[in-house]
Amino acid sequence: METATNTIDPAEVAKFEAMAAEWWDPTGKFKPLHMLNPCRLDYITQQIAAQFGRDLRAPRPFEGLRLLDIGCGGGLLSEPMARLGATVVGADAAERNIPVARLHAEQSGLEIDYRHCAAEDIRETFDVVLAMEIIEHVADPQGFTDTCAGLLKTGGLMICSTLNRNPKSWLMAIVGAERVMRWLPVGTHDWSKFITPDELFTLIRKAGLDPVDRKGMVFNPVTWGWSLSSRDLSVNYVTASVKR
């Protein structure tokens, strides 16, 4: 694999460094991710099962699959993937996230290979690459997507989630989540770096992958929970693509 240009944005890394110790506090700065996690996991597990013909009712349905969680943070996705049997590598550019993730995995009795590195530093290939809520924080979205594609085996699956760019997402993610609800520190997101679904599919196709699915992740203020939607991709959404 050729060495790729580093797509890390140091200012974005610094934001998450400052919050590292709170990853596993469901009422802390990562409360939105804890709330969103069941919805994310539902999509991820269904897509992996469909792509690799796995039965989610089995005790360890992802046994034998190698999975890379880019921007793993404290391990909110890496840990359930490991419990489902996958061999997991978690990578994060924010150095302080890694000891937090390692300690929690050890306490949970899980073996996860956590690394402080950029995606571009990895010289292996995987069956599954997760790039969840990260592409809106990188310096070069196309370069990052190209890197993800290069990390996939033929037939591999990339799952990528991000935020749409429109007036509603500015109102919900910037004004609502950061300024009104105080779910995230002000400045966590830069609305100008949000990516529309069509733009993301263009990035994915240019990287040599075939988009196979996309769904919205919609917050319901009545039930105070998240659900997947085939129609509403107006704010949070997630995509699946395959390396043919």
C-alpha atoms as a PDB file:
ATOM      1  CA  MET A   1       0.000   0.000   0.000  1.00  0.00           C
ATOM      2  CA  GLU A   2       1.355   3.404  -0.888  1.00  0.00           C
ATOM      3  CA  THR A   3       1.873   5.977   1.835  1.00  0.00           C
ATOM      4  CA  ALA A   4      -1.096   8.334   1.859  1.00  0.00           C
ATOM      5  CA  THR A   5      -1.178  11.984   2.779  1.00  0.00           C
ATOM      6  CA  ASN A   6      -2.032  12.432   6.447  1.00  0.00           C
ATOM      7  CA  THR A   7      -5.621  13.684   6.723  1.00  0.00           C
ATOM      8  CA  ILE A   8      -5.552  14.481  10.452  1.00  0.00           C
ATOM      9  CA  ASP A   9      -6.732  17.942  11.477  1.00  0.00           C
ATOM     10  CA  PRO A  10      -4.759  18.795  14.665  1.00  0.00           C
ATOM     11  CA  ALA A  11      -7.410  21.235  15.899  1.00  0.00           C
ATOM     12  CA  GLU A  12     -10.083  18.546  15.661  1.00  0.00           C
ATOM     13  CA  VAL A  13      -7.878  16.028  17.511  1.00  0.00           C
ATOM     14  CA  ALA A  14      -7.324  18.548  20.306  1.00  0.00           C
ATOM     15  CA  LYS A  15     -11.086  18.863  20.872  1.00  0.00           C
ATOM     16  CA  PHE A  16     -11.407  15.150  21.590  1.00  0.00           C
ATOM     17  CA  GLU A  17      -8.164  14.966  23.587  1.00  0.00           C
ATOM     18  CA  ALA A  18      -9.743  17.419  26.025  1.00  0.00           C
ATOM     19  CA  MET A  19     -12.752  15.130  26.545  1.00  0.00           C
ATOM     20  CA  ALA A  20     -10.944  11.758  26.621  1.00  0.00           C
ATOM     21  CA  ALA A  21     -11.575  10.846  30.268  1.00  0.00           C
ATOM     22  CA  GLU A  22     -15.347  11.104  29.818  1.00  0.00           C
ATOM     23  CA  TRP A  23     -15.807   8.472  27.093  1.00  0.00           C
ATOM     24  CA  TRP A  24     -17.591   5.932  29.308  1.00  0.00           C
ATOM     25  CA  ASP A  25     -19.684   8.402  31.296  1.00  0.00           C
ATOM     26  CA  PRO A  26     -23.215   8.131  29.806  1.00  0.00           C
ATOM     27  CA  THR A  27     -24.117  11.518  31.271  1.00  0.00           C
ATOM     28  CA  GLY A  28     -20.866  13.268  30.281  1.00  0.00           C
ATOM     29  CA  LYS A  29     -19.679  15.025  27.148  1.00  0.00           C
ATOM     30  CA  PHE A  30     -20.239  11.905  25.037  1.00  0.00           C
ATOM     31  CA  LYS A  31     -23.854  11.469  26.135  1.00  0.00           C
ATOM     32  CA  PRO A  32     -25.058  11.938  22.505  1.00  0.00           C
ATOM     33  CA  LEU A  33     -22.946   8.989  21.330  1.00  0.00           C
ATOM     34  CA  HIS A  34     -24.165   6.785  24.181  1.00  0.00           C
ATOM     35  CA  MET A  35     -27.725   7.633  23.164  1.00  0.00           C
ATOM     36  CA  LEU A  36     -26.980   7.047  19.468  1.00  0.00           C
ATOM     37  CA  ASN A  37     -24.961   3.849  19.973  1.00  0.00           C
ATOM     38  CA  PRO A  38     -27.831   1.297  19.887  1.00  0.00           C
ATOM     39  CA  CYS A  39     -29.011   2.767  16.572  1.00  0.00           C
ATOM     40  CA  ARG A  40     -25.482   2.715  15.134  1.00  0.00           C
ATOM     41  CA  LEU A  41     -24.939  -0.867  16.287  1.00  0.00           C
ATOM     42  CA  ASP A  42     -28.233  -1.988  14.766  1.00  0.00           C
ATOM     43  CA  TYR A  43     -27.154  -0.670  11.370  1.00  0.00           C
ATOM     44  CA  ILE A  44     -23.569  -1.942  11.606  1.00  0.00           C
ATOM     45  CA  THR A  45     -24.486  -5.465  12.681  1.00  0.00           C
ATOM     46  CA  GLN A  46     -27.220  -5.814  10.052  1.00  0.00           C
ATOM     47  CA  GLN A  47     -24.898  -4.661   7.253  1.00  0.00           C
ATOM     48  CA  ILE A  48     -22.029  -6.927   8.320  1.00  0.00           C
ATOM     49  CA  ALA A  49     -24.373  -9.914   8.668  1.00  0.00           C
ATOM     50  CA  ALA A  50     -25.826  -9.286   5.204  1.00  0.00           C
ATOM     51  CA  GLN A  51     -22.450  -8.818   3.510  1.00  0.00           C
ATOM     52  CA  PHE A  52     -20.763 -11.856   5.053  1.00  0.00           C
ATOM     53  CA  GLY A  53     -23.763 -14.170   5.468  1.00  0.00           C
ATOM     54  CA  ARG A  54     -23.662 -14.238   9.254  1.00  0.00           C
ATOM     55  CA  ASP A  55     -26.471 -15.215  11.648  1.00  0.00           C
ATOM     56  CA  LEU A  56     -26.811 -12.581  14.351  1.00  0.00           C
ATOM     57  CA  ARG A  57     -28.507 -15.132  16.602  1.00  0.00           C
ATOM     58  CA  ALA A  58     -25.234 -17.079  16.850  1.00  0.00           C
ATOM     59  CA  PRO A  59     -23.116 -16.577  20.000  1.00  0.00           C
ATOM     60  CA  ARG A  60     -20.177 -14.947  18.122  1.00  0.00           C
ATOM     61  CA  PRO A  61     -21.507 -14.229  14.634  1.00  0.00           C
ATOM     62  CA  PHE A  62     -18.516 -12.162  13.488  1.00  0.00           C
ATOM     63  CA  GLU A  63     -15.893 -14.794  14.341  1.00  0.00           C
ATOM     64  CA  GLY A  64     -13.099 -14.780  11.760  1.00  0.00           C
ATOM     65  CA  LEU A  65     -13.718 -11.202  10.565  1.00  0.00           C
ATOM     66  CA  ARG A  66     -11.062  -8.515  11.016  1.00  0.00           C
ATOM     67  CA  LEU A  67     -12.517  -5.098  11.783  1.00  0.00           C
ATOM     68  CA  LEU A  68     -10.903  -1.669  11.968  1.00  0.00           C
ATOM     69  CA  ASP A  69     -12.616   1.057  13.995  1.00  0.00           C
ATOM     70  CA  ILE A  70     -11.120   4.376  12.831  1.00  0.00           C
ATOM     71  CA  GLY A  71     -11.512   7.161  15.360  1.00  0.00           C
ATOM     72  CA  CYS A  72     -12.369   4.563  17.990  1.00  0.00           C
ATOM     73  CA  GLY A  73     -12.397   7.030  20.884  1.00  0.00           C
ATOM     74  CA  GLY A  74     -12.940   5.156  24.139  1.00  0.00           C
ATOM     75  CA  GLY A  75     -14.173   2.028  22.368  1.00  0.00           C
ATOM     76  CA  LEU A  76     -17.952   2.478  22.287  1.00  0.00           C
ATOM     77  CA  LEU A  77     -18.138   0.506  19.031  1.00  0.00           C
ATOM     78  CA  SER A  78     -14.944  -1.543  19.291  1.00  0.00           C
ATOM     79  CA  GLU A  79     -16.123  -3.353  22.413  1.00  0.00           C
ATOM     80  CA  PRO A  80     -19.477  -4.630  21.086  1.00  0.00           C
ATOM     81  CA  MET A  81     -17.775  -5.692  17.843  1.00  0.00           C
ATOM     82  CA  ALA A  82     -15.256  -7.714  19.879  1.00  0.00           C
ATOM     83  CA  ARG A  83     -18.065  -9.273  21.912  1.00  0.00           C
ATOM     84  CA  LEU A  84     -19.664 -10.380  18.647  1.00  0.00           C
ATOM     85  CA  GLY A  85     -16.472 -12.259  17.798  1.00  0.00           C
ATOM     86  CA  ALA A  86     -14.623  -9.907  15.449  1.00  0.00           C
ATOM     87  CA  THR A  87     -10.870  -9.380  15.734  1.00  0.00           C
ATOM     88  CA  VAL A  88     -10.812  -5.642  16.367  1.00  0.00           C
ATOM     89  CA  VAL A  89      -8.198  -2.955  15.795  1.00  0.00           C
ATOM     90  CA  GLY A  90      -9.172   0.442  17.211  1.00  0.00           C
ATOM     91  CA  ALA A  91      -7.210   3.440  15.919  1.00  0.00           C
ATOM     92  CA  ASP A  92      -7.380   7.036  17.112  1.00  0.00           C
ATOM     93  CA  ALA A  93      -5.276  10.123  16.439  1.00  0.00           C
ATOM     94  CA  ALA A  94      -6.065  11.504  19.925  1.00  0.00           C
ATOM     95  CA  GLU A  95      -3.404   9.907  22.123  1.00  0.00           C
ATOM     96  CA  ARG A  96      -5.320  10.312  25.383  1.00  0.00           C
ATOM     97  CA  ASN A  97      -8.210   8.201  24.087  1.00  0.00           C
ATOM     98  CA  ILE A  98      -6.109   5.048  23.824  1.00  0.00           C
ATOM     99  CA  PRO A  99      -5.309   4.425  27.541  1.00  0.00           C
ATOM    100  CA  VAL A 100      -8.986   5.020  28.355  1.00  0.00           C
ATOM    101  CA  ALA A 101     -10.042   2.486  25.718  1.00  0.00           C
ATOM    102  CA  ARG A 102      -7.414  -0.075  26.769  1.00  0.00           C
ATOM    103  CA  LEU A 103      -8.325   0.141  30.445  1.00  0.00           C
ATOM    104  CA  HIS A 104     -12.044  -0.249  29.800  1.00  0.00           C
ATOM    105  CA  ALA A 105     -11.485  -3.221  27.483  1.00  0.00           C
ATOM    106  CA  GLU A 106      -9.272  -4.878  30.109  1.00  0.00           C
ATOM    107  CA  GLN A 107     -11.915  -4.315  32.777  1.00  0.00           C
ATOM    108  CA  SER A 108     -14.487  -5.811  30.404  1.00  0.00           C
ATOM    109  CA  GLY A 109     -12.356  -8.876  29.683  1.00  0.00           C
ATOM    110  CA  LEU A 110     -11.954  -8.028  26.007  1.00  0.00           C
ATOM    111  CA  GLU A 111      -8.877  -8.275  23.773  1.00  0.00           C
ATOM    112  CA  ILE A 112      -8.784  -5.275  21.443  1.00  0.00           C
ATOM    113  CA  ASP A 113      -5.723  -3.960  19.627  1.00  0.00           C
ATOM    114  CA  TYR A 114      -5.888  -0.219  20.330  1.00  0.00           C
ATOM    115  CA  ARG A 115      -3.367   2.005  18.536  1.00  0.00           C
ATOM    116  CA  HIS A 116      -2.531   5.702  18.692  1.00  0.00           C
ATOM    117  CA  CYS A 117      -2.139   6.354  14.972  1.00  0.00           C
ATOM    118  CA  ALA A 118      -3.745   7.791  11.870  1.00  0.00           C
ATOM    119  CA  ALA A 119      -5.577   5.549   9.432  1.00  0.00           C
ATOM    120  CA  GLU A 120      -2.786   6.282   6.946  1.00  0.00           C
ATOM    121  CA  ASP A 121      -0.248   4.639   9.303  1.00  0.00           C
ATOM    122  CA  ILE A 122      -1.911   1.215   9.139  1.00  0.00           C
ATOM    123  CA  ARG A 123      -0.417  -1.336   6.756  1.00  0.00           C
ATOM    124  CA  GLU A 124      -2.982  -4.121   6.929  1.00  0.00           C
ATOM    125  CA  THR A 125      -6.297  -4.939   5.298  1.00  0.00           C
ATOM    126  CA  PHE A 126      -9.627  -5.699   6.948  1.00  0.00           C
ATOM    127  CA  ASP A 127     -12.985  -7.244   6.218  1.00  0.00           C
ATOM    128  CA  VAL A 128     -14.789  -4.276   7.774  1.00  0.00           C
ATOM    129  CA  VAL A 129     -13.770  -0.638   8.242  1.00  0.00           C
ATOM    130  CA  LEU A 130     -15.873   1.583  10.506  1.00  0.00           C
ATOM    131  CA  ALA A 131     -15.538   5.346   9.973  1.00  0.00           C
ATOM    132  CA  MET A 132     -18.252   6.659  12.252  1.00  0.00           C
ATOM    133  CA  GLU A 133     -18.682  10.379  12.918  1.00  0.00           C
ATOM    134  CA  ILE A 134     -15.132  11.100  11.788  1.00  0.00           C
ATOM    135  CA  ILE A 135     -15.109  12.238   8.148  1.00  0.00           C
ATOM    136  CA  GLU A 136     -16.535  15.649   9.159  1.00  0.00           C
ATOM    137  CA  HIS A 137     -13.463  16.136  11.359  1.00  0.00           C
ATOM    138  CA  VAL A 138     -10.674  15.335   8.849  1.00  0.00           C
ATOM    139  CA  ALA A 139      -8.660  17.809   6.786  1.00  0.00           C
ATOM    140  CA  ASP A 140      -9.137  15.986   3.458  1.00  0.00           C
ATOM    141  CA  PRO A 141     -12.373  13.967   3.128  1.00  0.00           C
ATOM    142  CA  GLN A 142     -11.421  12.444  -0.243  1.00  0.00           C
ATOM    143  CA  GLY A 143      -7.972  11.486   0.976  1.00  0.00           C
ATOM    144  CA  PHE A 144      -9.503   9.929   4.085  1.00  0.00           C
ATOM    145  CA  THR A 145     -12.034   7.962   2.035  1.00  0.00           C
ATOM    146  CA  ASP A 146      -9.270   6.765  -0.296  1.00  0.00           C
ATOM    147  CA  THR A 147      -7.327   5.563   2.747  1.00  0.00           C
ATOM    148  CA  CYS A 148     -10.345   3.669   4.081  1.00  0.00           C
ATOM    149  CA  ALA A 149     -10.809   1.978   0.706  1.00  0.00           C
ATOM    150  CA  GLY A 150      -7.158   0.942   0.682  1.00  0.00           C
ATOM    151  CA  LEU A 151      -7.577  -0.714   4.069  1.00  0.00           C
ATOM    152  CA  LEU A 152     -10.358  -2.998   2.818  1.00  0.00           C
ATOM    153  CA  LYS A 153      -9.961  -6.492   1.451  1.00  0.00           C
ATOM    154  CA  THR A 154     -11.761  -7.316  -1.780  1.00  0.00           C
ATOM    155  CA  GLY A 155     -15.362  -7.899  -0.786  1.00  0.00           C
ATOM    156  CA  GLY A 156     -14.827  -5.815   2.331  1.00  0.00           C
ATOM    157  CA  LEU A 157     -17.400  -3.477   3.812  1.00  0.00           C
ATOM    158  CA  MET A 158     -16.984   0.158   4.843  1.00  0.00           C
ATOM    159  CA  ILE A 159     -19.570   1.768   7.079  1.00  0.00           C
ATOM    160  CA  CYS A 160     -19.361   5.545   7.308  1.00  0.00           C
ATOM    161  CA  SER A 161     -21.630   7.938   9.195  1.00  0.00           C
ATOM    162  CA  THR A 162     -21.623  11.719   9.287  1.00  0.00           C
ATOM    163  CA  LEU A 163     -23.853  14.802   9.353  1.00  0.00           C
ATOM    164  CA  ASN A 164     -25.743  16.281   6.425  1.00  0.00           C
ATOM    165  CA  ARG A 165     -25.136  19.951   5.545  1.00  0.00           C
ATOM    166  CA  ASN A 166     -28.333  21.966   5.385  1.00  0.00           C
ATOM    167  CA  PRO A 167     -30.235  24.501   7.530  1.00  0.00           C
ATOM    168  CA  LYS A 168     -31.895  21.740   9.590  1.00  0.00           C
ATOM    169  CA  SER A 169     -28.568  20.139  10.526  1.00  0.00           C
ATOM    170  CA  TRP A 170     -27.195  23.535  11.559  1.00  0.00           C
ATOM    171  CA  LEU A 171     -30.242  24.076  13.754  1.00  0.00           C
ATOM    172  CA  MET A 172     -30.195  20.563  15.272  1.00  0.00           C
ATOM    173  CA  ALA A 173     -26.479  19.764  15.557  1.00  0.00           C
ATOM    174  CA  ILE A 174     -24.973  23.184  16.174  1.00  0.00           C
ATOM    175  CA  VAL A 175     -27.694  25.235  17.861  1.00  0.00           C
ATOM    176  CA  GLY A 176     -29.636  22.388  19.474  1.00  0.00           C
ATOM    177  CA  ALA A 177     -26.962  19.886  20.537  1.00  0.00           C
ATOM    178  CA  GLU A 178     -24.177  22.331  21.410  1.00  0.00           C
ATOM    179  CA  ARG A 179     -25.884  25.555  22.511  1.00  0.00           C
ATOM    180  CA  VAL A 180     -29.341  24.624  23.790  1.00  0.00           C
ATOM    181  CA  MET A 181     -29.107  21.040  25.101  1.00  0.00           C
ATOM    182  CA  ARG A 182     -25.397  21.372  25.966  1.00  0.00           C
ATOM    183  CA  TRP A 183     -24.882  17.778  24.872  1.00  0.00           C
ATOM    184  CA  LEU A 184     -21.514  18.743  23.366  1.00  0.00           C
ATOM    185  CA  PRO A 185     -19.050  21.559  24.013  1.00  0.00           C
ATOM    186  CA  VAL A 186     -19.636  24.575  21.771  1.00  0.00           C
ATOM    187  CA  GLY A 187     -17.361  24.290  18.733  1.00  0.00           C
ATOM    188  CA  THR A 188     -17.286  20.482  18.618  1.00  0.00           C
ATOM    189  CA  HIS A 189     -18.659  20.585  15.074  1.00  0.00           C
ATOM    190  CA  ASP A 190     -17.961  22.871  12.133  1.00  0.00           C
ATOM    191  CA  TRP A 191     -21.135  23.020  10.022  1.00  0.00           C
ATOM    192  CA  SER A 192     -19.167  23.947   6.893  1.00  0.00           C
ATOM    193  CA  LYS A 193     -17.416  20.533   7.102  1.00  0.00           C
ATOM    194  CA  PHE A 194     -20.676  18.568   7.130  1.00  0.00           C
ATOM    195  CA  ILE A 195     -21.177  16.426   4.003  1.00  0.00           C
ATOM    196  CA  THR A 196     -24.370  15.774   2.062  1.00  0.00           C
ATOM    197  CA  PRO A 197     -25.277  12.148   1.234  1.00  0.00           C
ATOM    198  CA  ASP A 198     -24.689  12.762  -2.481  1.00  0.00           C
ATOM    199  CA  GLU A 199     -21.281  14.303  -1.755  1.00  0.00           C
ATOM    200  CA  LEU A 200     -20.344  11.323   0.416  1.00  0.00           C
ATOM    201  CA  PHE A 201     -21.427   8.840  -2.255  1.00  0.00           C
ATOM    202  CA  THR A 202     -19.255  10.743  -4.744  1.00  0.00           C
ATOM    203  CA  LEU A 203     -16.261  10.490  -2.393  1.00  0.00           C
ATOM    204  CA  ILE A 204     -16.935   6.773  -1.919  1.00  0.00           C
ATOM    205  CA  ARG A 205     -17.205   6.070  -5.661  1.00  0.00           C
ATOM    206  CA  LYS A 206     -14.032   8.050  -6.401  1.00  0.00           C
ATOM    207  CA  ALA A 207     -12.260   5.873  -3.829  1.00  0.00           C
ATOM    208  CA  GLY A 208     -13.229   2.781  -5.830  1.00  0.00           C
ATOM    209  CA  LEU A 209     -16.029   1.512  -3.603  1.00  0.00           C
ATOM    210  CA  ASP A 210     -19.637   0.721  -4.506  1.00  0.00           C
ATOM    211  CA  PRO A 211     -22.261   2.337  -2.251  1.00  0.00           C
ATOM    212  CA  VAL A 212     -24.896  -0.261  -1.349  1.00  0.00           C
ATOM    213  CA  ASP A 213     -27.046   1.444   1.282  1.00  0.00           C
ATOM    214  CA  ARG A 214     -27.724   4.626   3.220  1.00  0.00           C
ATOM    215  CA  LYS A 215     -30.066   5.361   6.095  1.00  0.00           C
ATOM    216  CA  GLY A 216     -30.905   8.305   8.282  1.00  0.00           C
ATOM    217  CA  MET A 217     -30.484   8.173  12.049  1.00  0.00           C
ATOM    218  CA  VAL A 218     -33.354  10.189  13.463  1.00  0.00           C
ATOM    219  CA  PHE A 219     -33.805  11.495  17.012  1.00  0.00           C
ATOM    220  CA  ASN A 220     -37.324  11.385  18.450  1.00  0.00           C
ATOM    221  CA  PRO A 221     -37.760  13.984  21.230  1.00  0.00           C
ATOM    222  CA  VAL A 222     -40.911  12.218  22.465  1.00  0.00           C
ATOM    223  CA  THR A 223     -39.343   8.789  23.024  1.00  0.00           C
ATOM    224  CA  TRP A 224     -35.924  10.401  23.627  1.00  0.00           C
ATOM    225  CA  GLY A 225     -34.326   7.819  21.374  1.00  0.00           C
ATOM    226  CA  TRP A 226     -32.836   7.221  17.940  1.00  0.00           C
ATOM    227  CA  SER A 227     -34.082   5.089  15.068  1.00  0.00           C
ATOM    228  CA  LEU A 228     -33.085   4.269  11.496  1.00  0.00           C
ATOM    229  CA  SER A 229     -35.009   5.822   8.616  1.00  0.00           C
ATOM    230  CA  SER A 230     -34.985   5.022   4.899  1.00  0.00           C
ATOM    231  CA  ARG A 231     -36.335   8.493   4.087  1.00  0.00           C
ATOM    232  CA  ASP A 232     -35.040  11.051   6.573  1.00  0.00           C
ATOM    233  CA  LEU A 233     -31.320  11.689   6.010  1.00  0.00           C
ATOM    234  CA  SER A 234     -31.633  15.372   6.858  1.00  0.00           C
ATOM    235  CA  VAL A 235     -29.258  15.426   9.860  1.00  0.00           C
ATOM    236  CA  ASN A 236     -27.417  12.234  10.924  1.00  0.00           C
ATOM    237  CA  TYR A 237     -27.008   9.456   8.386  1.00  0.00           C
ATOM    238  CA  VAL A 238     -24.958   6.321   7.778  1.00  0.00           C
ATOM    239  CA  THR A 239     -23.775   4.583   4.607  1.00  0.00           C
ATOM    240  CA  ALA A 240     -22.478   1.150   3.598  1.00  0.00           C
ATOM    241  CA  SER A 241     -20.186   0.484   0.649  1.00  0.00           C
ATOM    242  CA  VAL A 242     -18.345  -2.535  -0.698  1.00  0.00           C
ATOM    243  CA  LYS A 243     -14.964  -3.089  -2.332  1.00  0.00           C
ATOM    244  CA  ARG A 244     -15.667  -5.258  -5.370  1.00  0.00           C
END
